[in-house]
Amino acid sequence: MPQFPTGRTPWLPPVDFKLHHFPISTGDAVCGDQWHDGAMPDPSSHVAENMRFYGDMRFKQLTLFMAAMTAIAGGIMQYAPARWWIALAGLCITGAMWVMEVRSTLYAVATCDAAPRAWPLPKPKLFPWLTASLVVLLLYAGFYLTWLICLRTWCPKCVTFYVGAAIGLMLLAFSLVNYWDRKAFWLNRK
């Protein structure tokens, strides 16, 4: 009988996990942490679920990023006197989203490596290095460079351009080092 760390809670009835049986296609695993007859779930189903989660999360991040860039571009057009500050906000948002994308990509790759049978990768014949992750990385780098150019154009004497350029180089190094470490995955050479 499961109990809370502080002891039995009198207002909650005891839960018998074997009573809750919601079978799915494998017949072993059920919803959440509830197992049928103590059987462990099929690990490949959890890996596939994690891959769907990371794919969905990355798509949502990209959607949020594009919405933010659209709002920032609209703000620059509508509020010209504050365009430098708006471009600075765009630079910060782009940098933050860039880090989130690289980290979530690395987690997705690790999940895919956990069970390649559950999530097989296609073997492209032409340009195997041209992956969606690389294209999204180039998108972030392009927006970051655009905001840097805007900062330099609208305030040539400001030091923020140099600080932003240094941070941009660190982001690029961060991405390349982390992606290079997993180059077999990106080049589909497994």
Foldseek 3Di string as FASTA:
>chain_A
DDDDPVGHDVVDDDDDLCVDDDADDVRFDDPDPRTHPPGDDDVLVVLLVLLVVLVVVLVVLVVVLVVLVVVLVVCCVVPVVCNLVSLVVNLVSLLVSLVVLLVSVLVSVVSCVVDVVSPPDDQDPPPLLPDPSVVVNVVSLVSNVVSLVVNCVVCVVDCVSVVSVVSSVVSVVVNCVSCVVVVCVSSVVD
